[in-house]
Amino acid sequence: MTSLSPHPLWRMEQQFWLGDAAFHAQHLAPGALMVLPPPVGVLDRAGTLASIGGAPRWETVRFDDQVLADDGTGVVVLAYRAHASRGAPGGAYAALCSSTYVRHQDQWLLALHHQTPLA
């Protein structure tokens, strides 16, 4: 694991990669979308939660080139390069990612996450 930026959303972002369905259910916005590489595609909140239970979880993730955009309106965008592994041979993955968080009732919720795989 790499050290993360001090902003608390980086820790939350890490948990979206490593956490379980209960974490996702607690921290996904009601209208959340995940835009993932084929064959997955676009998932809504219900589809995301269903997929978490049936897929192997990432064991490690590292974020590089972290950028955080916060204009003070209750919307924050994270952009970064992710390096993740499921621990099995061929289980390494690298992608350019972005996540948009919204402030809702004093809690940050993930509204949109997008991944573009790197060759």
N, C-alpha and C. Protein backbone atom coordinates (compact mmCIF):
# COMPACT_ATOMS: atom_id res chain seq x y z
N MET A 1 0.83 -1.18 0.00
CA MET A 1 0.00 0.00 0.00
C MET A 1 0.88 1.24 0.00
N THR A 2 0.39 2.24 -0.64
CA THR A 2 1.10 3.50 -0.69
C THR A 2 0.48 4.47 0.32
N SER A 3 1.22 5.46 0.72
CA SER A 3 0.62 6.47 1.58
C SER A 3 -0.33 7.32 0.74
N LEU A 4 -1.45 7.62 1.30
CA LEU A 4 -2.47 8.37 0.58
C LEU A 4 -2.41 9.84 0.98
N SER A 5 -2.94 10.66 0.10
CA SER A 5 -3.09 12.08 0.39
C SER A 5 -3.89 12.21 1.68
N PRO A 6 -3.69 13.28 2.45
CA PRO A 6 -4.37 13.41 3.73
C PRO A 6 -5.89 13.63 3.64
N HIS A 7 -6.41 14.00 2.47
CA HIS A 7 -7.86 14.23 2.37
C HIS A 7 -8.59 12.91 2.64
N PRO A 8 -9.62 12.93 3.50
CA PRO A 8 -10.32 11.68 3.89
C PRO A 8 -10.96 10.94 2.71
N LEU A 9 -11.24 11.61 1.62
CA LEU A 9 -11.85 10.90 0.49
C LEU A 9 -10.90 9.91 -0.16
N TRP A 10 -9.60 10.10 -0.02
CA TRP A 10 -8.66 9.12 -0.57
C TRP A 10 -8.77 7.79 0.19
N ARG A 11 -8.98 7.86 1.49
CA ARG A 11 -9.15 6.63 2.28
C ARG A 11 -10.46 5.95 1.87
N MET A 12 -11.51 6.73 1.66
CA MET A 12 -12.78 6.18 1.23
C MET A 12 -12.62 5.54 -0.15
N GLU A 13 -11.92 6.21 -1.05
CA GLU A 13 -11.70 5.67 -2.39
C GLU A 13 -10.99 4.32 -2.31
N GLN A 14 -10.01 4.23 -1.45
CA GLN A 14 -9.30 2.97 -1.25
C GLN A 14 -10.26 1.87 -0.81
N GLN A 15 -11.18 2.20 0.07
CA GLN A 15 -12.13 1.21 0.55
C GLN A 15 -13.13 0.78 -0.53
N PHE A 16 -13.40 1.65 -1.51
CA PHE A 16 -14.24 1.21 -2.62
C PHE A 16 -13.54 0.12 -3.43
N TRP A 17 -12.23 0.13 -3.47
CA TRP A 17 -11.49 -0.93 -4.15
C TRP A 17 -11.41 -2.19 -3.29
N LEU A 18 -11.20 -2.03 -2.00
CA LEU A 18 -10.90 -3.17 -1.13
C LEU A 18 -12.08 -3.62 -0.27
N GLY A 19 -13.06 -2.76 -0.06
CA GLY A 19 -14.14 -3.01 0.88
C GLY A 19 -15.21 -3.97 0.37
N ASP A 20 -16.08 -4.33 1.27
CA ASP A 20 -17.14 -5.30 0.96
C ASP A 20 -18.44 -4.60 0.55
N ALA A 21 -19.46 -5.41 0.30
CA ALA A 21 -20.75 -4.89 -0.15
C ALA A 21 -21.37 -3.95 0.89
N ALA A 22 -21.16 -4.22 2.17
CA ALA A 22 -21.73 -3.36 3.21
C ALA A 22 -21.13 -1.95 3.14
N PHE A 23 -19.81 -1.86 2.90
CA PHE A 23 -19.18 -0.55 2.74
C PHE A 23 -19.80 0.17 1.55
N HIS A 24 -19.93 -0.53 0.42
CA HIS A 24 -20.50 0.08 -0.78
C HIS A 24 -21.92 0.57 -0.53
N ALA A 25 -22.72 -0.24 0.12
CA ALA A 25 -24.11 0.13 0.39
C ALA A 25 -24.20 1.40 1.23
N GLN A 26 -23.27 1.56 2.16
CA GLN A 26 -23.28 2.71 3.05
C GLN A 26 -22.79 3.99 2.36
N HIS A 27 -21.90 3.85 1.36
CA HIS A 27 -21.23 5.03 0.82
C HIS A 27 -21.53 5.34 -0.65
N LEU A 28 -22.42 4.58 -1.28
CA LEU A 28 -22.83 4.90 -2.66
C LEU A 28 -24.03 5.81 -2.63
N ALA A 29 -24.01 6.85 -3.45
CA ALA A 29 -25.16 7.74 -3.58
C ALA A 29 -26.34 6.98 -4.17
N PRO A 30 -27.57 7.42 -3.90
CA PRO A 30 -28.75 6.71 -4.43
C PRO A 30 -28.73 6.55 -5.95
N GLY A 31 -28.24 7.52 -6.68
CA GLY A 31 -28.20 7.44 -8.14
C GLY A 31 -26.82 7.11 -8.69
N ALA A 32 -25.98 6.46 -7.90
CA ALA A 32 -24.59 6.21 -8.27
C ALA A 32 -24.46 5.38 -9.54
N LEU A 33 -23.39 5.68 -10.30
CA LEU A 33 -23.06 4.91 -11.50
C LEU A 33 -21.59 4.51 -11.43
N MET A 34 -21.31 3.31 -11.94
CA MET A 34 -19.95 2.84 -12.13
C MET A 34 -19.77 2.60 -13.63
N VAL A 35 -18.72 3.18 -14.21
CA VAL A 35 -18.42 2.99 -15.63
C VAL A 35 -17.13 2.19 -15.68
N LEU A 36 -17.28 0.89 -15.96
CA LEU A 36 -16.17 -0.05 -15.87
C LEU A 36 -15.87 -0.65 -17.25
N PRO A 37 -14.65 -1.18 -17.41
CA PRO A 37 -14.27 -1.75 -18.70
C PRO A 37 -15.15 -2.95 -19.07
N PRO A 38 -15.24 -3.23 -20.38
CA PRO A 38 -15.97 -4.42 -20.83
C PRO A 38 -15.36 -5.67 -20.19
N PRO A 39 -16.16 -6.62 -19.88
CA PRO A 39 -17.55 -6.78 -20.28
C PRO A 39 -18.56 -6.16 -19.32
N VAL A 40 -18.09 -5.51 -18.25
CA VAL A 40 -19.01 -5.00 -17.23
C VAL A 40 -19.85 -3.84 -17.76
N GLY A 41 -19.21 -2.76 -18.19
CA GLY A 41 -19.94 -1.60 -18.70
C GLY A 41 -20.45 -0.70 -17.60
N VAL A 42 -21.63 -0.13 -17.78
CA VAL A 42 -22.21 0.82 -16.84
C VAL A 42 -23.12 0.07 -15.86
N LEU A 43 -22.88 0.29 -14.58
CA LEU A 43 -23.70 -0.29 -13.53
C LEU A 43 -24.36 0.81 -12.71
N ASP A 44 -25.63 0.64 -12.38
CA ASP A 44 -26.27 1.55 -11.44
C ASP A 44 -25.98 1.06 -10.03
N ARG A 45 -26.57 1.71 -9.05
CA ARG A 45 -26.28 1.36 -7.65
C ARG A 45 -26.63 -0.10 -7.36
N ALA A 46 -27.81 -0.53 -7.77
CA ALA A 46 -28.23 -1.91 -7.50
C ALA A 46 -27.31 -2.91 -8.21
N GLY A 47 -26.95 -2.62 -9.45
CA GLY A 47 -26.05 -3.50 -10.18
C GLY A 47 -24.67 -3.56 -9.56
N THR A 48 -24.20 -2.43 -9.06
CA THR A 48 -22.90 -2.39 -8.39
C THR A 48 -22.92 -3.27 -7.15
N LEU A 49 -23.95 -3.10 -6.32
CA LEU A 49 -24.03 -3.89 -5.09
C LEU A 49 -24.14 -5.38 -5.40
N ALA A 50 -24.89 -5.74 -6.43
CA ALA A 50 -25.02 -7.15 -6.81
C ALA A 50 -23.68 -7.71 -7.29
N SER A 51 -22.93 -6.90 -8.04
CA SER A 51 -21.66 -7.39 -8.57
C SER A 51 -20.60 -7.56 -7.49
N ILE A 52 -20.66 -6.76 -6.45
CA ILE A 52 -19.67 -6.85 -5.36
C ILE A 52 -19.76 -8.20 -4.68
N GLY A 53 -20.95 -8.71 -4.48
CA GLY A 53 -21.13 -9.99 -3.80
C GLY A 53 -20.66 -11.17 -4.63
N GLY A 54 -20.68 -11.05 -5.96
CA GLY A 54 -20.34 -12.17 -6.80
C GLY A 54 -18.95 -12.15 -7.41
N ALA A 55 -18.18 -11.11 -7.17
CA ALA A 55 -16.86 -11.00 -7.80
C ALA A 55 -15.76 -11.05 -6.74
N PRO A 56 -14.60 -11.60 -7.11
CA PRO A 56 -13.48 -11.55 -6.16
C PRO A 56 -13.05 -10.11 -5.94
N ARG A 57 -12.73 -9.77 -4.72
CA ARG A 57 -12.33 -8.40 -4.37
C ARG A 57 -10.84 -8.21 -4.62
N TRP A 58 -10.46 -6.96 -4.81
CA TRP A 58 -9.05 -6.62 -4.93
C TRP A 58 -8.38 -6.83 -3.58
N GLU A 59 -7.16 -7.32 -3.59
CA GLU A 59 -6.42 -7.52 -2.35
C GLU A 59 -5.54 -6.32 -2.01
N THR A 60 -5.01 -5.68 -3.04
CA THR A 60 -4.18 -4.49 -2.84
C THR A 60 -4.53 -3.44 -3.89
N VAL A 61 -4.31 -2.20 -3.55
CA VAL A 61 -4.44 -1.12 -4.53
C VAL A 61 -3.47 -0.01 -4.14
N ARG A 62 -2.89 0.60 -5.17
CA ARG A 62 -2.00 1.74 -4.97
C ARG A 62 -2.46 2.84 -5.91
N PHE A 63 -2.47 4.07 -5.43
CA PHE A 63 -2.84 5.22 -6.23
C PHE A 63 -1.59 6.06 -6.52
N ASP A 64 -1.40 6.41 -7.78
CA ASP A 64 -0.33 7.31 -8.19
C ASP A 64 -0.94 8.50 -8.90
N ASP A 65 -0.15 9.56 -9.03
CA ASP A 65 -0.57 10.76 -9.76
C ASP A 65 -1.93 11.28 -9.28
N GLN A 66 -2.10 11.33 -7.98
CA GLN A 66 -3.37 11.73 -7.37
C GLN A 66 -3.65 13.22 -7.56
N VAL A 67 -4.87 13.50 -8.00
CA VAL A 67 -5.33 14.88 -8.14
C VAL A 67 -6.71 14.97 -7.49
N LEU A 68 -6.94 16.03 -6.73
CA LEU A 68 -8.22 16.26 -6.08
C LEU A 68 -8.71 17.63 -6.49
N ALA A 69 -9.93 17.70 -7.02
CA ALA A 69 -10.54 18.98 -7.39
C ALA A 69 -11.72 19.24 -6.46
N ASP A 70 -11.64 20.33 -5.70
CA ASP A 70 -12.68 20.68 -4.74
C ASP A 70 -12.93 22.18 -4.85
N ASP A 71 -14.10 22.53 -5.39
CA ASP A 71 -14.39 23.96 -5.53
C ASP A 71 -15.24 24.49 -4.38
N GLY A 72 -15.45 23.68 -3.35
CA GLY A 72 -16.16 24.13 -2.17
C GLY A 72 -17.68 24.08 -2.27
N THR A 73 -18.22 23.45 -3.31
CA THR A 73 -19.68 23.40 -3.49
C THR A 73 -20.30 22.10 -3.00
N GLY A 74 -19.50 21.21 -2.41
CA GLY A 74 -20.03 19.93 -1.97
C GLY A 74 -19.87 18.83 -3.01
N VAL A 75 -19.07 19.10 -4.02
CA VAL A 75 -18.73 18.10 -5.04
C VAL A 75 -17.21 18.05 -5.13
N VAL A 76 -16.65 16.84 -5.03
CA VAL A 76 -15.20 16.66 -5.12
C VAL A 76 -14.92 15.58 -6.15
N VAL A 77 -13.93 15.83 -6.99
CA VAL A 77 -13.51 14.85 -7.99
C VAL A 77 -12.10 14.40 -7.67
N LEU A 78 -11.91 13.09 -7.65
CA LEU A 78 -10.60 12.49 -7.51
C LEU A 78 -10.20 11.91 -8.86
N ALA A 79 -8.95 12.09 -9.26
CA ALA A 79 -8.42 11.48 -10.47
C ALA A 79 -7.06 10.89 -10.12
N TYR A 80 -6.76 9.72 -10.68
CA TYR A 80 -5.53 9.03 -10.30
C TYR A 80 -5.26 7.85 -11.23
N ARG A 81 -4.09 7.29 -11.06
CA ARG A 81 -3.69 6.06 -11.73
C ARG A 81 -3.73 4.96 -10.66
N ALA A 82 -4.49 3.91 -10.91
CA ALA A 82 -4.63 2.81 -9.94
C ALA A 82 -3.82 1.61 -10.40
N HIS A 83 -3.21 0.95 -9.43
CA HIS A 83 -2.52 -0.33 -9.65
C HIS A 83 -3.09 -1.27 -8.60
N ALA A 84 -3.81 -2.29 -9.06
CA ALA A 84 -4.48 -3.20 -8.13
C ALA A 84 -4.13 -4.65 -8.45
N SER A 85 -4.31 -5.51 -7.46
CA SER A 85 -4.04 -6.93 -7.65
C SER A 85 -5.03 -7.76 -6.85
N ARG A 86 -5.40 -8.87 -7.45
CA ARG A 86 -6.24 -9.85 -6.75
C ARG A 86 -5.38 -10.95 -6.15
N GLY A 87 -4.07 -10.87 -6.30
CA GLY A 87 -3.16 -11.82 -5.67
C GLY A 87 -2.91 -13.08 -6.49
N ALA A 88 -3.70 -13.35 -7.51
CA ALA A 88 -3.50 -14.53 -8.35
C ALA A 88 -2.64 -14.17 -9.54
N PRO A 89 -1.97 -15.15 -10.14
CA PRO A 89 -1.22 -14.85 -11.37
C PRO A 89 -2.15 -14.24 -12.42
N GLY A 90 -1.68 -13.18 -13.07
CA GLY A 90 -2.51 -12.49 -14.05
C GLY A 90 -3.56 -11.60 -13.43
N GLY A 91 -3.51 -11.43 -12.11
CA GLY A 91 -4.52 -10.64 -11.42
C GLY A 91 -4.16 -9.17 -11.27
N ALA A 92 -3.06 -8.72 -11.89
CA ALA A 92 -2.67 -7.31 -11.79
C ALA A 92 -3.50 -6.48 -12.76
N TYR A 93 -3.79 -5.25 -12.36
CA TYR A 93 -4.64 -4.37 -13.14
C TYR A 93 -4.15 -2.94 -12.95
N ALA A 94 -4.14 -2.18 -14.03
CA ALA A 94 -3.77 -0.76 -13.97
C ALA A 94 -4.80 0.03 -14.77
N ALA A 95 -5.20 1.19 -14.25
CA ALA A 95 -6.21 2.00 -14.93
C ALA A 95 -6.07 3.46 -14.52
N LEU A 96 -6.53 4.33 -15.43
CA LEU A 96 -6.76 5.73 -15.08
C LEU A 96 -8.18 5.79 -14.54
N CYS A 97 -8.34 6.44 -13.40
CA CYS A 97 -9.65 6.44 -12.73
C CYS A 97 -10.06 7.85 -12.33
N SER A 98 -11.36 8.03 -12.22
CA SER A 98 -11.89 9.24 -11.63
C SER A 98 -13.13 8.88 -10.83
N SER A 99 -13.33 9.59 -9.75
CA SER A 99 -14.49 9.40 -8.90
C SER A 99 -15.04 10.76 -8.50
N THR A 100 -16.35 10.87 -8.53
CA THR A 100 -17.02 12.10 -8.12
C THR A 100 -17.82 11.82 -6.86
N TYR A 101 -17.54 12.60 -5.83
CA TYR A 101 -18.22 12.48 -4.54
C TYR A 101 -19.12 13.69 -4.33
N VAL A 102 -20.26 13.46 -3.70
CA VAL A 102 -21.18 14.53 -3.36
C VAL A 102 -21.42 14.51 -1.86
N ARG A 103 -21.57 15.71 -1.30
CA ARG A 103 -21.85 15.84 0.13
C ARG A 103 -23.36 15.76 0.32
N HIS A 104 -23.83 14.80 1.11
CA HIS A 104 -25.25 14.60 1.34
C HIS A 104 -25.48 14.36 2.83
N GLN A 105 -26.20 15.26 3.48
CA GLN A 105 -26.50 15.17 4.91
C GLN A 105 -25.23 14.90 5.73
N ASP A 106 -24.22 15.74 5.52
CA ASP A 106 -22.95 15.66 6.26
C ASP A 106 -22.18 14.37 6.04
N GLN A 107 -22.42 13.71 4.92
CA GLN A 107 -21.69 12.49 4.59
C GLN A 107 -21.28 12.55 3.11
N TRP A 108 -20.07 12.11 2.82
CA TRP A 108 -19.62 12.01 1.44
C TRP A 108 -20.13 10.71 0.84
N LEU A 109 -20.71 10.80 -0.36
CA LEU A 109 -21.21 9.62 -1.07
C LEU A 109 -20.61 9.61 -2.48
N LEU A 110 -20.28 8.42 -2.95
CA LEU A 110 -19.75 8.28 -4.30
C LEU A 110 -20.90 8.32 -5.30
N ALA A 111 -20.84 9.27 -6.23
CA ALA A 111 -21.88 9.42 -7.24
C ALA A 111 -21.49 8.79 -8.57
N LEU A 112 -20.19 8.85 -8.91
CA LEU A 112 -19.74 8.32 -10.21
C LEU A 112 -18.30 7.86 -10.09
N HIS A 113 -18.04 6.67 -10.63
CA HIS A 113 -16.66 6.17 -10.71
C HIS A 113 -16.44 5.68 -12.13
N HIS A 114 -15.28 6.02 -12.70
CA HIS A 114 -14.95 5.63 -14.07
C HIS A 114 -13.52 5.07 -14.11
N GLN A 115 -13.34 3.99 -14.90
CA GLN A 115 -12.03 3.39 -15.07
C GLN A 115 -11.72 3.24 -16.56
N THR A 116 -10.52 3.64 -16.95
CA THR A 116 -9.99 3.39 -18.29
C THR A 116 -8.74 2.53 -18.12
N PRO A 117 -8.83 1.25 -18.51
CA PRO A 117 -7.67 0.35 -18.32
C PRO A 117 -6.44 0.83 -19.09
N LEU A 118 -5.28 0.58 -18.51
CA LEU A 118 -4.01 0.88 -19.15
C LEU A 118 -3.42 -0.42 -19.68
N ALA A 119 -2.81 -0.33 -20.85
CA ALA A 119 -2.22 -1.54 -21.46
C ALA A 119 -1.00 -1.98 -20.68
